C-alpha atoms as a PDB file:
ATOM      1  CA  MET A   1      91.777-201.041 -46.238  1.00  0.00           C
ATOM      2  CA  GLU A   2      90.415-198.292 -44.097  1.00  0.00           C
ATOM      3  CA  HIS A   3      93.842-197.777 -42.541  1.00  0.00           C
ATOM      4  CA  ARG A   4      95.341-197.003 -45.954  1.00  0.00           C
ATOM      5  CA  SER A   5      92.555-194.533 -46.647  1.00  0.00           C
ATOM      6  CA  ASP A   6      93.176-192.775 -43.330  1.00  0.00           C
ATOM      7  CA  SER A   7      96.899-192.659 -44.103  1.00  0.00           C
ATOM      8  CA  LYS A   8      96.210-191.260 -47.559  1.00  0.00           C
ATOM      9  CA  ASP A   9      93.792-188.646 -46.151  1.00  0.00           C
ATOM     10  CA  ASN A  10      96.331-187.689 -43.500  1.00  0.00           C
ATOM     11  CA  HIS A  11      99.067-187.300 -46.122  1.00  0.00           C
ATOM     12  CA  GLU A  12      96.758-185.211 -48.328  1.00  0.00           C
ATOM     13  CA  SER A  13      95.835-183.063 -45.327  1.00  0.00           C
ATOM     14  CA  GLU A  14      99.507-182.472 -44.478  1.00  0.00           C
ATOM     15  CA  SER A  15     100.221-181.721 -48.132  1.00  0.00           C
ATOM     16  CA  SER A  16      97.330-179.245 -48.265  1.00  0.00           C
ATOM     17  CA  GLU A  17      98.531-177.532 -45.085  1.00  0.00           C
ATOM     18  CA  THR A  18     102.061-177.239 -46.475  1.00  0.00           C
ATOM     19  CA  CYS A  19     100.713-175.843 -49.740  1.00  0.00           C
ATOM     20  CA  PHE A  20      98.538-173.387 -47.819  1.00  0.00           C
ATOM     21  CA  GLU A  21     101.476-172.284 -45.646  1.00  0.00           C
ATOM     22  CA  THR A  22     103.603-171.786 -48.767  1.00  0.00           C
ATOM     23  CA  ALA A  23     100.850-169.697 -50.324  1.00  0.00           C
ATOM     24  CA  GLN A  24     100.550-167.629 -47.138  1.00  0.00           C
ATOM     25  CA  ASP A  25     104.316-167.065 -47.080  1.00  0.00           C
ATOM     26  CA  SER A  26     104.215-165.989 -50.717  1.00  0.00           C
ATOM     27  CA  VAL A  27     101.362-163.559 -50.082  1.00  0.00           C
ATOM     28  CA  SER A  28     103.154-162.160 -47.025  1.00  0.00           C
ATOM     29  CA  GLU A  29     106.350-161.732 -49.027  1.00  0.00           C
ATOM     30  CA  ASN A  30     104.488-160.001 -51.856  1.00  0.00           C
ATOM     31  CA  ALA A  31     102.713-157.721 -49.381  1.00  0.00           C
ATOM     32  CA  SER A  32     106.055-156.847 -47.797  1.00  0.00           C
ATOM     33  CA  GLN A  33     107.521-156.021 -51.200  1.00  0.00           C
ATOM     34  CA  VAL A  34     104.551-153.829 -52.088  1.00  0.00           C
ATOM     35  CA  LEU A  35     104.765-152.023 -48.745  1.00  0.00           C
ATOM     36  CA  GLU A  36     108.500-151.479 -49.196  1.00  0.00           C
ATOM     37  CA  ARG A  37     107.956-150.128 -52.726  1.00  0.00           C
ATOM     38  CA  ILE A  38     105.264-147.718 -51.490  1.00  0.00           C
ATOM     39  CA  GLN A  39     107.491-146.535 -48.656  1.00  0.00           C
ATOM     40  CA  ASN A  40     110.370-145.997 -51.090  1.00  0.00           C
ATOM     41  CA  GLU A  41     108.116-144.035 -53.446  1.00  0.00           C
ATOM     42  CA  GLU A  42     106.854-141.882 -50.571  1.00  0.00           C
ATOM     43  CA  ALA A  43     110.410-141.226 -49.388  1.00  0.00           C
ATOM     44  CA  ALA A  44     111.481-140.304 -52.920  1.00  0.00           C
ATOM     45  CA  ALA A  45     108.526-137.903 -53.209  1.00  0.00           C
ATOM     46  CA  ARG A  46     109.423-136.240 -49.875  1.00  0.00           C
ATOM     47  CA  ILE A  47     113.053-135.882 -50.950  1.00  0.00           C
ATOM     48  CA  ALA A  48     112.069-134.387 -54.321  1.00  0.00           C
ATOM     49  CA  GLU A  49     109.729-131.948 -52.591  1.00  0.00           C
ATOM     50  CA  LYS A  50     112.426-130.901 -50.106  1.00  0.00           C
ATOM     51  CA  GLU A  51     114.945-130.480 -52.943  1.00  0.00           C
ATOM     52  CA  ASP A  52     112.504-128.231 -54.791  1.00  0.00           C
ATOM     53  CA  LYS A  53     111.887-126.149 -51.663  1.00  0.00           C
ATOM     54  CA  ILE A  54     115.630-125.772 -51.045  1.00  0.00           C
ATOM     55  CA  ARG A  55     116.203-124.620 -54.633  1.00  0.00           C
ATOM     56  CA  ARG A  56     113.353-122.088 -54.350  1.00  0.00           C
ATOM     57  CA  ALA A  57     114.781-120.812 -51.052  1.00  0.00           C
ATOM     58  CA  CYS A  58     118.135-120.389 -52.830  1.00  0.00           C
ATOM     59  CA  GLU A  59     116.518-118.428 -55.655  1.00  0.00           C
ATOM     60  CA  MET A  60     114.671-116.212 -53.169  1.00  0.00           C
ATOM     61  CA  ARG A  61     117.750-115.954 -50.926  1.00  0.00           C
ATOM     62  CA  ASP A  62     115.579-116.989 -47.979  1.00  0.00           C
ATOM     63  CA  LEU A  63     118.271-117.547 -45.343  1.00  0.00           C
ATOM     64  CA  ASP A  64     115.827-118.541 -42.603  1.00  0.00           C
ATOM     65  CA  ALA A  65     114.400-121.292 -44.803  1.00  0.00           C
ATOM     66  CA  LEU A  66     117.882-122.457 -45.824  1.00  0.00           C
ATOM     67  CA  VAL A  67     118.979-122.684 -42.180  1.00  0.00           C
ATOM     68  CA  SER A  68     115.827-124.658 -41.434  1.00  0.00           C
ATOM     69  CA  TYR A  69     116.467-127.102 -44.290  1.00  0.00           C
ATOM     70  CA  ALA A  70     120.158-127.421 -43.410  1.00  0.00           C
ATOM     71  CA  THR A  71     119.379-128.374 -39.822  1.00  0.00           C
ATOM     72  CA  SER A  72     116.467-130.686 -40.635  1.00  0.00           C
ATOM     73  CA  GLU A  73     116.775-134.450 -41.132  1.00  0.00           C
ATOM     74  CA  GLY A  74     118.958-135.110 -44.172  1.00  0.00           C
ATOM     75  CA  GLY A  75     120.205-131.528 -44.324  1.00  0.00           C
ATOM     76  CA  PHE A  76     120.625-130.289 -47.886  1.00  0.00           C
ATOM     77  CA  LEU A  77     120.351-133.910 -49.140  1.00  0.00           C
ATOM     78  CA  ARG A  78     123.261-133.902 -51.601  1.00  0.00           C
ATOM     79  CA  ASP A  79     126.504-132.020 -52.163  1.00  0.00           C
ATOM     80  CA  ASP A  80     125.308-130.283 -55.337  1.00  0.00           C
ATOM     81  CA  ILE A  81     122.333-128.814 -53.468  1.00  0.00           C
ATOM     82  CA  ARG A  82     124.550-127.880 -50.508  1.00  0.00           C
ATOM     83  CA  ARG A  83     126.972-126.069 -52.829  1.00  0.00           C
ATOM     84  CA  GLN A  84     124.091-124.194 -54.445  1.00  0.00           C
ATOM     85  CA  ALA A  85     122.673-123.217 -51.054  1.00  0.00           C
ATOM     86  CA  CYS A  86     126.034-122.135 -49.678  1.00  0.00           C
ATOM     87  CA  LYS A  87     126.822-119.873 -52.631  1.00  0.00           C
ATOM     88  CA  SER A  88     123.265-118.529 -52.869  1.00  0.00           C
ATOM     89  CA  PRO A  89     123.392-115.765 -50.221  1.00  0.00           C
ATOM     90  CA  THR A  90     126.575-114.124 -51.532  1.00  0.00           C
END
């Protein structure tokens, strides 16, 4: 009878390990999703801030700032902002 008990304990142990690994995978996946969401929110905030700065530079006709934004990563971000910036100095 002891052999059956050992077999049952071994099966329960394997089952517990599998359940634990599944839980770990789920937690890791959730953590990855949260991290991705935070990174997306931070990127969106940076883009919105840059857009605001570009629009203010257009209003102030600050050509040095506009050149800086145009040559930075992402440039003027979108065509509508680019069109506004390009017509601004005239």
